[in-house]
Amino acid sequence: MSIRGFTARLTAAREGAVAVEFALIAPILILLYVGMTDVVEGVMAERRAQHIASTIADLTAQSITVSSANLDDYFSIGSLVMSPFPTTGLGQRISSVTADSNGVPHVDWSQATGGMSPLSAGSTVTVPSNLLSAGQSIIEADVSYAYSNKIAWVLPTALTFNQSSYLRPRQSLQVGYTG
């Protein structure tokens, strides 16, 4: 058998070419699929954190006064919104903020759960510009969520999502707190 005949037979043989191509491409496709799953779950967790901030701010803004029990219920609802994601890294805070006669925002009351600290009553806070003018009040809801993926190929470390929502009270000029 000549070398020329052997090389001609090798270049003509195509039986295993598809298997070799698949073996080379399959790991890349699997990594892309798992990576997209990681990214999509991260985006879903971030959107749920934003939804929690909107929900607990909305529930509080609908009230004339709230009690500690009401706020605990709102925090429980926020935890339910996070489902099916675990709530171990979820922190929630609801605060009432009023601008004084100079337009400087101060905290009226604040309650928190899940590792977040409440804001000190009377302390000055920063809110988005042009949101408050003298004498106006808003409800500020802050959510922090530490997201860690189960697979962790693309996102190997935990990401922390911080979301805030601001709403004006609907039934009164200010939402009161009865402790």
N, C-alpha and C. Protein backbone atom coordinates (compact mmCIF):
# COMPACT_ATOMS: atom_id res chain seq x y z
N MET A 1 0.84 -1.16 0.00
CA MET A 1 0.00 0.00 0.00
C MET A 1 0.89 1.23 0.00
N SER A 2 0.55 2.15 -0.85
CA SER A 2 1.36 3.36 -0.96
C SER A 2 0.85 4.44 -0.01
N ILE A 3 1.71 5.38 0.25
CA ILE A 3 1.35 6.50 1.12
C ILE A 3 0.24 7.31 0.47
N ARG A 4 0.32 7.48 -0.80
CA ARG A 4 -0.69 8.26 -1.50
C ARG A 4 -2.06 7.60 -1.36
N GLY A 5 -2.15 6.31 -1.46
CA GLY A 5 -3.41 5.59 -1.31
C GLY A 5 -3.96 5.68 0.12
N PHE A 6 -3.04 5.61 1.10
CA PHE A 6 -3.45 5.70 2.50
C PHE A 6 -4.02 7.09 2.82
N THR A 7 -3.37 8.14 2.38
CA THR A 7 -3.86 9.50 2.63
C THR A 7 -5.15 9.77 1.86
N ALA A 8 -5.28 9.18 0.69
CA ALA A 8 -6.52 9.36 -0.07
C ALA A 8 -7.68 8.71 0.67
N ARG A 9 -7.44 7.52 1.28
CA ARG A 9 -8.50 6.85 2.04
C ARG A 9 -8.85 7.64 3.30
N LEU A 10 -7.85 8.22 3.97
CA LEU A 10 -8.11 8.99 5.19
C LEU A 10 -8.93 10.24 4.90
N THR A 11 -8.58 10.93 3.85
CA THR A 11 -9.31 12.17 3.53
C THR A 11 -10.70 11.88 2.99
N ALA A 12 -10.91 10.70 2.46
CA ALA A 12 -12.23 10.34 1.94
C ALA A 12 -13.15 9.83 3.04
N ALA A 13 -12.61 9.34 4.16
CA ALA A 13 -13.42 8.78 5.24
C ALA A 13 -14.09 9.91 6.01
N ARG A 14 -15.42 9.89 6.15
CA ARG A 14 -16.18 10.93 6.85
C ARG A 14 -17.08 10.36 7.95
N GLU A 15 -16.97 9.08 8.27
CA GLU A 15 -17.88 8.45 9.22
C GLU A 15 -17.82 9.07 10.62
N GLY A 16 -16.66 9.42 11.11
CA GLY A 16 -16.52 9.94 12.47
C GLY A 16 -16.43 11.44 12.57
N ALA A 17 -16.54 12.14 11.45
CA ALA A 17 -16.37 13.59 11.47
C ALA A 17 -17.45 14.29 12.30
N VAL A 18 -18.68 13.83 12.19
CA VAL A 18 -19.78 14.46 12.94
C VAL A 18 -19.59 14.23 14.43
N ALA A 19 -19.16 13.06 14.83
CA ALA A 19 -18.95 12.77 16.25
C ALA A 19 -17.83 13.64 16.82
N VAL A 20 -16.79 13.83 16.07
CA VAL A 20 -15.68 14.67 16.52
C VAL A 20 -16.14 16.13 16.63
N GLU A 21 -16.87 16.61 15.64
CA GLU A 21 -17.37 17.98 15.69
C GLU A 21 -18.29 18.18 16.88
N PHE A 22 -19.16 17.20 17.14
CA PHE A 22 -20.07 17.30 18.28
C PHE A 22 -19.28 17.31 19.59
N ALA A 23 -18.27 16.47 19.69
CA ALA A 23 -17.45 16.42 20.90
C ALA A 23 -16.72 17.73 21.15
N LEU A 24 -16.38 18.44 20.10
CA LEU A 24 -15.71 19.73 20.25
C LEU A 24 -16.68 20.86 20.59
N ILE A 25 -17.88 20.81 20.04
CA ILE A 25 -18.85 21.90 20.21
C ILE A 25 -19.74 21.71 21.44
N ALA A 26 -20.04 20.49 21.84
CA ALA A 26 -20.97 20.23 22.94
C ALA A 26 -20.58 20.93 24.25
N PRO A 27 -19.33 20.88 24.71
CA PRO A 27 -19.01 21.57 25.97
C PRO A 27 -19.26 23.08 25.90
N ILE A 28 -19.00 23.68 24.75
CA ILE A 28 -19.23 25.12 24.61
C ILE A 28 -20.73 25.41 24.68
N LEU A 29 -21.54 24.60 24.01
CA LEU A 29 -22.99 24.80 24.04
C LEU A 29 -23.55 24.59 25.44
N ILE A 30 -23.05 23.59 26.14
CA ILE A 30 -23.52 23.33 27.51
C ILE A 30 -23.15 24.51 28.41
N LEU A 31 -21.94 25.02 28.29
CA LEU A 31 -21.52 26.17 29.09
C LEU A 31 -22.39 27.39 28.78
N LEU A 32 -22.70 27.63 27.52
CA LEU A 32 -23.58 28.74 27.15
C LEU A 32 -24.96 28.57 27.76
N TYR A 33 -25.50 27.38 27.71
CA TYR A 33 -26.84 27.13 28.27
C TYR A 33 -26.86 27.36 29.77
N VAL A 34 -25.90 26.79 30.48
CA VAL A 34 -25.85 26.94 31.94
C VAL A 34 -25.57 28.40 32.30
N GLY A 35 -24.71 29.06 31.55
CA GLY A 35 -24.42 30.47 31.79
C GLY A 35 -25.64 31.35 31.61
N MET A 36 -26.41 31.09 30.58
CA MET A 36 -27.63 31.87 30.36
C MET A 36 -28.63 31.62 31.48
N THR A 37 -28.68 30.39 31.97
CA THR A 37 -29.55 30.07 33.09
C THR A 37 -29.14 30.87 34.33
N ASP A 38 -27.83 30.94 34.60
CA ASP A 38 -27.32 31.73 35.73
C ASP A 38 -27.73 33.20 35.58
N VAL A 39 -27.53 33.76 34.43
CA VAL A 39 -27.81 35.17 34.21
C VAL A 39 -29.31 35.45 34.31
N VAL A 40 -30.12 34.61 33.71
CA VAL A 40 -31.57 34.81 33.75
C VAL A 40 -32.09 34.71 35.18
N GLU A 41 -31.61 33.76 35.95
CA GLU A 41 -32.04 33.66 37.35
C GLU A 41 -31.62 34.89 38.15
N GLY A 42 -30.44 35.41 37.87
CA GLY A 42 -29.99 36.63 38.54
C GLY A 42 -30.89 37.81 38.22
N VAL A 43 -31.28 37.94 36.97
CA VAL A 43 -32.17 39.03 36.56
C VAL A 43 -33.54 38.86 37.22
N MET A 44 -34.02 37.63 37.30
CA MET A 44 -35.31 37.37 37.95
C MET A 44 -35.25 37.74 39.43
N ALA A 45 -34.16 37.42 40.11
CA ALA A 45 -34.02 37.76 41.53
C ALA A 45 -33.98 39.28 41.71
N GLU A 46 -33.28 39.97 40.83
CA GLU A 46 -33.21 41.43 40.92
C GLU A 46 -34.58 42.05 40.70
N ARG A 47 -35.34 41.54 39.77
CA ARG A 47 -36.69 42.07 39.52
C ARG A 47 -37.63 41.78 40.68
N ARG A 48 -37.46 40.63 41.30
CA ARG A 48 -38.30 40.33 42.47
C ARG A 48 -37.98 41.27 43.62
N ALA A 49 -36.71 41.59 43.80
CA ALA A 49 -36.33 42.54 44.85
C ALA A 49 -36.97 43.90 44.57
N GLN A 50 -36.98 44.34 43.33
CA GLN A 50 -37.63 45.61 42.99
C GLN A 50 -39.13 45.51 43.22
N HIS A 51 -39.71 44.38 42.89
CA HIS A 51 -41.15 44.20 43.10
C HIS A 51 -41.49 44.23 44.58
N ILE A 52 -40.64 43.67 45.42
CA ILE A 52 -40.87 43.71 46.87
C ILE A 52 -40.85 45.15 47.35
N ALA A 53 -39.87 45.94 46.92
CA ALA A 53 -39.79 47.34 47.33
C ALA A 53 -41.07 48.09 46.92
N SER A 54 -41.53 47.87 45.72
CA SER A 54 -42.76 48.53 45.25
C SER A 54 -43.97 48.07 46.05
N THR A 55 -44.04 46.78 46.32
CA THR A 55 -45.20 46.22 47.02
C THR A 55 -45.31 46.73 48.45
N ILE A 56 -44.21 46.66 49.20
CA ILE A 56 -44.30 47.08 50.61
C ILE A 56 -44.48 48.59 50.72
N ALA A 57 -43.93 49.36 49.78
CA ALA A 57 -44.16 50.81 49.78
C ALA A 57 -45.62 51.09 49.47
N ASP A 58 -46.19 50.37 48.52
CA ASP A 58 -47.58 50.57 48.13
C ASP A 58 -48.53 50.21 49.27
N LEU A 59 -48.29 49.09 49.92
CA LEU A 59 -49.15 48.68 51.04
C LEU A 59 -49.11 49.71 52.16
N THR A 60 -47.95 50.24 52.45
CA THR A 60 -47.81 51.23 53.52
C THR A 60 -48.44 52.56 53.10
N ALA A 61 -48.26 52.97 51.87
CA ALA A 61 -48.79 54.25 51.40
C ALA A 61 -50.32 54.26 51.36
N GLN A 62 -50.95 53.11 51.34
CA GLN A 62 -52.41 53.03 51.33
C GLN A 62 -53.01 53.22 52.71
N SER A 63 -52.19 53.19 53.74
CA SER A 63 -52.67 53.26 55.13
C SER A 63 -52.64 54.69 55.65
N ILE A 64 -53.50 54.96 56.63
CA ILE A 64 -53.47 56.24 57.33
C ILE A 64 -52.46 56.13 58.47
N THR A 65 -52.53 55.01 59.19
CA THR A 65 -51.55 54.71 60.24
C THR A 65 -51.18 53.24 60.12
N VAL A 66 -50.00 52.91 60.57
CA VAL A 66 -49.56 51.51 60.59
C VAL A 66 -49.03 51.19 61.98
N SER A 67 -49.12 49.91 62.30
CA SER A 67 -48.57 49.43 63.57
C SER A 67 -47.41 48.49 63.27
N SER A 68 -46.73 48.08 64.29
CA SER A 68 -45.64 47.14 64.13
C SER A 68 -46.15 45.82 63.53
N ALA A 69 -47.36 45.42 63.93
CA ALA A 69 -47.95 44.19 63.39
C ALA A 69 -48.24 44.33 61.89
N ASN A 70 -48.74 45.52 61.48
CA ASN A 70 -48.99 45.76 60.06
C ASN A 70 -47.70 45.64 59.26
N LEU A 71 -46.64 46.26 59.76
CA LEU A 71 -45.36 46.23 59.05
C LEU A 71 -44.79 44.82 59.00
N ASP A 72 -44.97 44.04 60.07
CA ASP A 72 -44.54 42.64 60.04
C ASP A 72 -45.28 41.87 58.96
N ASP A 73 -46.58 42.15 58.80
CA ASP A 73 -47.36 41.51 57.74
C ASP A 73 -46.84 41.92 56.36
N TYR A 74 -46.51 43.19 56.18
CA TYR A 74 -45.99 43.66 54.90
C TYR A 74 -44.64 42.99 54.60
N PHE A 75 -43.81 42.84 55.63
CA PHE A 75 -42.53 42.16 55.44
C PHE A 75 -42.75 40.69 55.07
N SER A 76 -43.76 40.06 55.66
CA SER A 76 -44.08 38.67 55.31
C SER A 76 -44.53 38.57 53.85
N ILE A 77 -45.32 39.54 53.43
CA ILE A 77 -45.76 39.56 52.02
C ILE A 77 -44.55 39.72 51.11
N GLY A 78 -43.63 40.59 51.50
CA GLY A 78 -42.41 40.76 50.71
C GLY A 78 -41.62 39.46 50.59
N SER A 79 -41.57 38.70 51.68
CA SER A 79 -40.88 37.41 51.64
C SER A 79 -41.59 36.44 50.70
N LEU A 80 -42.92 36.50 50.67
CA LEU A 80 -43.67 35.63 49.76
C LEU A 80 -43.42 36.01 48.29
N VAL A 81 -43.28 37.28 48.03
CA VAL A 81 -43.01 37.73 46.65
C VAL A 81 -41.69 37.16 46.16
N MET A 82 -40.74 36.97 47.06
CA MET A 82 -39.40 36.47 46.67
C MET A 82 -39.44 35.01 46.22
N SER A 83 -40.49 34.29 46.55
CA SER A 83 -40.59 32.88 46.20
C SER A 83 -40.47 32.71 44.68
N PRO A 84 -39.80 31.73 44.20
CA PRO A 84 -39.19 30.54 44.79
C PRO A 84 -37.75 30.73 45.26
N PHE A 85 -37.23 31.95 45.21
CA PHE A 85 -35.87 32.19 45.67
C PHE A 85 -35.83 32.14 47.20
N PRO A 86 -34.71 31.70 47.78
CA PRO A 86 -34.62 31.67 49.25
C PRO A 86 -34.61 33.09 49.81
N THR A 87 -35.14 33.23 51.02
CA THR A 87 -35.23 34.55 51.64
C THR A 87 -34.15 34.78 52.69
N THR A 88 -33.15 33.92 52.73
CA THR A 88 -32.11 34.07 53.75
C THR A 88 -31.31 35.35 53.58
N GLY A 89 -31.14 35.85 52.38
CA GLY A 89 -30.37 37.07 52.15
C GLY A 89 -31.24 38.30 51.94
N LEU A 90 -32.52 38.23 52.34
CA LEU A 90 -33.47 39.31 52.08
C LEU A 90 -33.58 40.24 53.28
N GLY A 91 -33.33 41.53 53.06
CA GLY A 91 -33.54 42.55 54.08
C GLY A 91 -34.53 43.58 53.56
N GLN A 92 -35.45 44.02 54.44
CA GLN A 92 -36.48 44.96 54.03
C GLN A 92 -36.57 46.09 55.06
N ARG A 93 -36.85 47.30 54.59
CA ARG A 93 -37.02 48.44 55.49
C ARG A 93 -38.10 49.36 54.93
N ILE A 94 -38.98 49.82 55.80
CA ILE A 94 -40.02 50.79 55.45
C ILE A 94 -39.82 52.00 56.34
N SER A 95 -39.80 53.19 55.72
CA SER A 95 -39.60 54.43 56.47
C SER A 95 -40.57 55.49 55.98
N SER A 96 -40.97 56.35 56.89
CA SER A 96 -41.73 57.54 56.52
C SER A 96 -40.78 58.72 56.60
N VAL A 97 -40.74 59.50 55.53
CA VAL A 97 -39.82 60.64 55.44
C VAL A 97 -40.64 61.89 55.14
N THR A 98 -40.39 62.95 55.90
CA THR A 98 -41.08 64.22 55.71
C THR A 98 -40.05 65.34 55.56
N ALA A 99 -40.32 66.24 54.63
CA ALA A 99 -39.43 67.39 54.43
C ALA A 99 -39.83 68.49 55.42
N ASP A 100 -38.84 69.08 56.07
CA ASP A 100 -39.12 70.17 57.01
C ASP A 100 -39.39 71.47 56.23
N SER A 101 -39.54 72.57 56.93
CA SER A 101 -39.88 73.84 56.28
C SER A 101 -38.81 74.32 55.30
N ASN A 102 -37.59 73.82 55.44
CA ASN A 102 -36.52 74.16 54.50
C ASN A 102 -36.39 73.15 53.36
N GLY A 103 -37.25 72.12 53.36
CA GLY A 103 -37.21 71.09 52.32
C GLY A 103 -36.21 69.98 52.58
N VAL A 104 -35.65 69.93 53.80
CA VAL A 104 -34.68 68.89 54.15
C VAL A 104 -35.45 67.66 54.65
N PRO A 105 -35.25 66.49 54.03
CA PRO A 105 -36.00 65.29 54.43
C PRO A 105 -35.46 64.69 55.73
N HIS A 106 -36.39 64.40 56.64
CA HIS A 106 -36.08 63.76 57.92
C HIS A 106 -36.96 62.53 58.10
N VAL A 107 -36.43 61.54 58.79
CA VAL A 107 -37.15 60.29 59.03
C VAL A 107 -38.16 60.50 60.17
N ASP A 108 -39.42 60.14 59.92
CA ASP A 108 -40.45 60.18 60.96
C ASP A 108 -40.40 58.90 61.79
N TRP A 109 -40.41 57.78 61.10
CA TRP A 109 -40.30 56.46 61.72
C TRP A 109 -39.74 55.49 60.70
N SER A 110 -39.20 54.37 61.19
CA SER A 110 -38.61 53.38 60.31
C SER A 110 -38.61 52.03 61.00
N GLN A 111 -38.93 50.99 60.25
CA GLN A 111 -38.88 49.62 60.74
C GLN A 111 -38.17 48.76 59.70
N ALA A 112 -37.45 47.74 60.17
CA ALA A 112 -36.69 46.89 59.24
C ALA A 112 -36.71 45.45 59.71
N THR A 113 -36.37 44.57 58.80
CA THR A 113 -36.27 43.15 59.10
C THR A 113 -35.20 42.52 58.22
N GLY A 114 -34.76 41.33 58.59
CA GLY A 114 -33.84 40.57 57.75
C GLY A 114 -32.44 41.12 57.67
N GLY A 115 -31.94 41.68 58.75
CA GLY A 115 -30.57 42.16 58.74
C GLY A 115 -30.41 43.62 58.37
N MET A 116 -31.45 44.26 57.87
CA MET A 116 -31.37 45.70 57.60
C MET A 116 -31.68 46.44 58.90
N SER A 117 -31.05 47.58 59.08
CA SER A 117 -31.28 48.39 60.27
C SER A 117 -32.29 49.48 59.96
N PRO A 118 -33.19 49.76 60.92
CA PRO A 118 -34.10 50.88 60.69
C PRO A 118 -33.33 52.20 60.74
N LEU A 119 -33.84 53.19 60.04
CA LEU A 119 -33.24 54.51 60.07
C LEU A 119 -33.64 55.19 61.38
N SER A 120 -32.77 55.99 61.93
CA SER A 120 -33.05 56.68 63.19
C SER A 120 -34.08 57.78 62.97
N ALA A 121 -35.08 57.83 63.86
CA ALA A 121 -36.09 58.88 63.78
C ALA A 121 -35.42 60.23 63.93
N GLY A 122 -35.78 61.16 63.07
CA GLY A 122 -35.23 62.49 63.10
C GLY A 122 -33.97 62.66 62.26
N SER A 123 -33.39 61.56 61.82
CA SER A 123 -32.16 61.68 61.03
C SER A 123 -32.46 62.20 59.63
N THR A 124 -31.48 62.86 59.05
CA THR A 124 -31.60 63.39 57.69
C THR A 124 -31.26 62.28 56.71
N VAL A 125 -32.05 62.18 55.65
CA VAL A 125 -31.81 61.17 54.62
C VAL A 125 -31.73 61.84 53.26
N THR A 126 -31.21 61.13 52.32
CA THR A 126 -31.13 61.61 50.95
C THR A 126 -32.19 60.90 50.12
N VAL A 127 -32.99 61.67 49.45
CA VAL A 127 -34.00 61.13 48.54
C VAL A 127 -33.75 61.73 47.16
N PRO A 128 -34.28 61.12 46.11
CA PRO A 128 -34.08 61.70 44.77
C PRO A 128 -34.53 63.16 44.72
N SER A 129 -33.80 63.96 43.97
CA SER A 129 -34.09 65.39 43.89
C SER A 129 -35.49 65.64 43.35
N ASN A 130 -36.08 66.73 43.79
CA ASN A 130 -37.42 67.17 43.39
C ASN A 130 -38.53 66.20 43.79
N LEU A 131 -38.24 65.30 44.72
CA LEU A 131 -39.27 64.36 45.17
C LEU A 131 -40.08 64.96 46.31
N LEU A 132 -39.44 65.73 47.15
CA LEU A 132 -40.11 66.32 48.30
C LEU A 132 -39.93 67.82 48.31
N SER A 133 -40.99 68.52 48.68
CA SER A 133 -40.88 69.94 48.97
C SER A 133 -41.34 70.13 50.42
N ALA A 134 -41.19 71.31 50.94
CA ALA A 134 -41.47 71.58 52.36
C ALA A 134 -42.84 71.06 52.77
N GLY A 135 -42.86 70.28 53.84
CA GLY A 135 -44.10 69.77 54.41
C GLY A 135 -44.63 68.50 53.78
N GLN A 136 -44.05 68.04 52.71
CA GLN A 136 -44.54 66.82 52.07
C GLN A 136 -43.90 65.58 52.69
N SER A 137 -44.61 64.48 52.56
CA SER A 137 -44.16 63.22 53.14
C SER A 137 -44.16 62.13 52.08
N ILE A 138 -43.26 61.17 52.21
CA ILE A 138 -43.23 60.00 51.33
C ILE A 138 -42.96 58.76 52.17
N ILE A 139 -43.28 57.63 51.58
CA ILE A 139 -42.91 56.34 52.14
C ILE A 139 -41.74 55.83 51.33
N GLU A 140 -40.66 55.47 52.01
CA GLU A 140 -39.49 54.92 51.35
C GLU A 140 -39.36 53.46 51.76
N ALA A 141 -39.30 52.58 50.77
CA ALA A 141 -39.10 51.15 51.03
C ALA A 141 -37.77 50.75 50.41
N ASP A 142 -36.92 50.15 51.22
CA ASP A 142 -35.61 49.70 50.76
C ASP A 142 -35.54 48.19 50.91
N VAL A 143 -34.99 47.55 49.89
CA VAL A 143 -34.82 46.10 49.89
C VAL A 143 -33.38 45.77 49.51
N SER A 144 -32.80 44.85 50.24
CA SER A 144 -31.47 44.35 49.92
C SER A 144 -31.58 42.83 49.81
N TYR A 145 -31.04 42.29 48.73
CA TYR A 145 -31.10 40.84 48.54
C TYR A 145 -29.75 40.32 48.08
N ALA A 146 -29.20 39.39 48.84
CA ALA A 146 -27.94 38.74 48.48
C ALA A 146 -28.27 37.49 47.68
N TYR A 147 -28.01 37.55 46.39
CA TYR A 147 -28.34 36.45 45.48
C TYR A 147 -27.10 35.60 45.23
N SER A 148 -27.23 34.33 45.51
CA SER A 148 -26.16 33.40 45.15
C SER A 148 -26.78 32.27 44.34
N ASN A 149 -26.15 31.96 43.23
CA ASN A 149 -26.67 30.97 42.31
C ASN A 149 -26.26 29.57 42.74
N LYS A 150 -27.13 28.61 42.48
CA LYS A 150 -26.84 27.22 42.84
C LYS A 150 -25.72 26.62 41.99
N ILE A 151 -25.70 26.95 40.72
CA ILE A 151 -24.71 26.37 39.81
C ILE A 151 -23.40 27.13 39.90
N ALA A 152 -23.46 28.45 39.87
CA ALA A 152 -22.33 29.36 40.07
C ALA A 152 -21.18 29.15 39.09
N TRP A 153 -21.49 28.90 37.85
CA TRP A 153 -20.44 28.81 36.84
C TRP A 153 -20.10 30.20 36.31
N VAL A 154 -21.13 30.94 35.98
CA VAL A 154 -20.92 32.27 35.42
C VAL A 154 -20.89 33.33 36.53
N LEU A 155 -21.71 33.15 37.55
CA LEU A 155 -21.76 34.08 38.68
C LEU A 155 -21.28 33.35 39.94
N PRO A 156 -19.97 33.20 40.11
CA PRO A 156 -19.47 32.38 41.23
C PRO A 156 -19.61 33.03 42.60
N THR A 157 -19.72 34.35 42.67
CA THR A 157 -19.87 35.02 43.96
C THR A 157 -21.27 35.59 44.09
N ALA A 158 -21.68 35.80 45.33
CA ALA A 158 -23.01 36.36 45.58
C ALA A 158 -23.08 37.80 45.09
N LEU A 159 -24.22 38.15 44.52
CA LEU A 159 -24.49 39.52 44.10
C LEU A 159 -25.49 40.12 45.09
N THR A 160 -25.32 41.36 45.44
CA THR A 160 -26.27 42.03 46.33
C THR A 160 -27.04 43.05 45.52
N PHE A 161 -28.36 42.89 45.52
CA PHE A 161 -29.24 43.82 44.83
C PHE A 161 -29.85 44.75 45.86
N ASN A 162 -29.71 46.05 45.67
CA ASN A 162 -30.30 47.06 46.54
C ASN A 162 -31.32 47.84 45.73
N GLN A 163 -32.55 47.82 46.19
CA GLN A 163 -33.64 48.49 45.48
C GLN A 163 -34.38 49.41 46.45
N SER A 164 -34.87 50.53 45.94
CA SER A 164 -35.67 51.46 46.73
C SER A 164 -36.90 51.87 45.94
N SER A 165 -37.96 52.15 46.67
CA SER A 165 -39.19 52.62 46.05
C SER A 165 -39.73 53.76 46.92
N TYR A 166 -40.24 54.80 46.28
CA TYR A 166 -40.77 55.98 46.97
C TYR A 166 -42.20 56.21 46.51
N LEU A 167 -43.12 56.32 47.48
CA LEU A 167 -44.52 56.61 47.15
C LEU A 167 -45.08 57.63 48.13
N ARG A 168 -46.00 58.45 47.65
CA ARG A 168 -46.68 59.40 48.52
C ARG A 168 -47.84 58.70 49.22
N PRO A 169 -48.11 59.10 50.46
CA PRO A 169 -49.29 58.55 51.14
C PRO A 169 -50.56 58.87 50.34
N ARG A 170 -51.50 57.95 50.33
CA ARG A 170 -52.70 58.13 49.51
C ARG A 170 -53.89 58.67 50.27
N GLN A 171 -54.01 58.28 51.56
CA GLN A 171 -55.22 58.61 52.31
C GLN A 171 -55.01 59.74 53.29
N SER A 172 -53.80 60.18 53.46
CA SER A 172 -53.49 61.27 54.39
C SER A 172 -52.23 61.96 53.92
N LEU A 173 -51.87 63.03 54.59
CA LEU A 173 -50.65 63.73 54.22
C LEU A 173 -49.41 63.00 54.68
N GLN A 174 -49.56 62.17 55.71
CA GLN A 174 -48.44 61.43 56.27
C GLN A 174 -48.97 60.14 56.88
N VAL A 175 -48.24 59.05 56.70
CA VAL A 175 -48.62 57.78 57.32
C VAL A 175 -48.07 57.76 58.72
N GLY A 176 -48.97 57.64 59.70
CA GLY A 176 -48.56 57.63 61.09
C GLY A 176 -48.14 56.24 61.54
N TYR A 177 -47.39 56.19 62.62
CA TYR A 177 -46.93 54.92 63.18
C TYR A 177 -47.38 54.84 64.63
N THR A 178 -48.06 53.75 64.97
CA THR A 178 -48.60 53.61 66.33
C THR A 178 -47.77 52.67 67.19
N GLY A 179 -46.63 52.22 66.69
CA GLY A 179 -45.75 51.37 67.48
C GLY A 179 -46.29 50.04 67.63
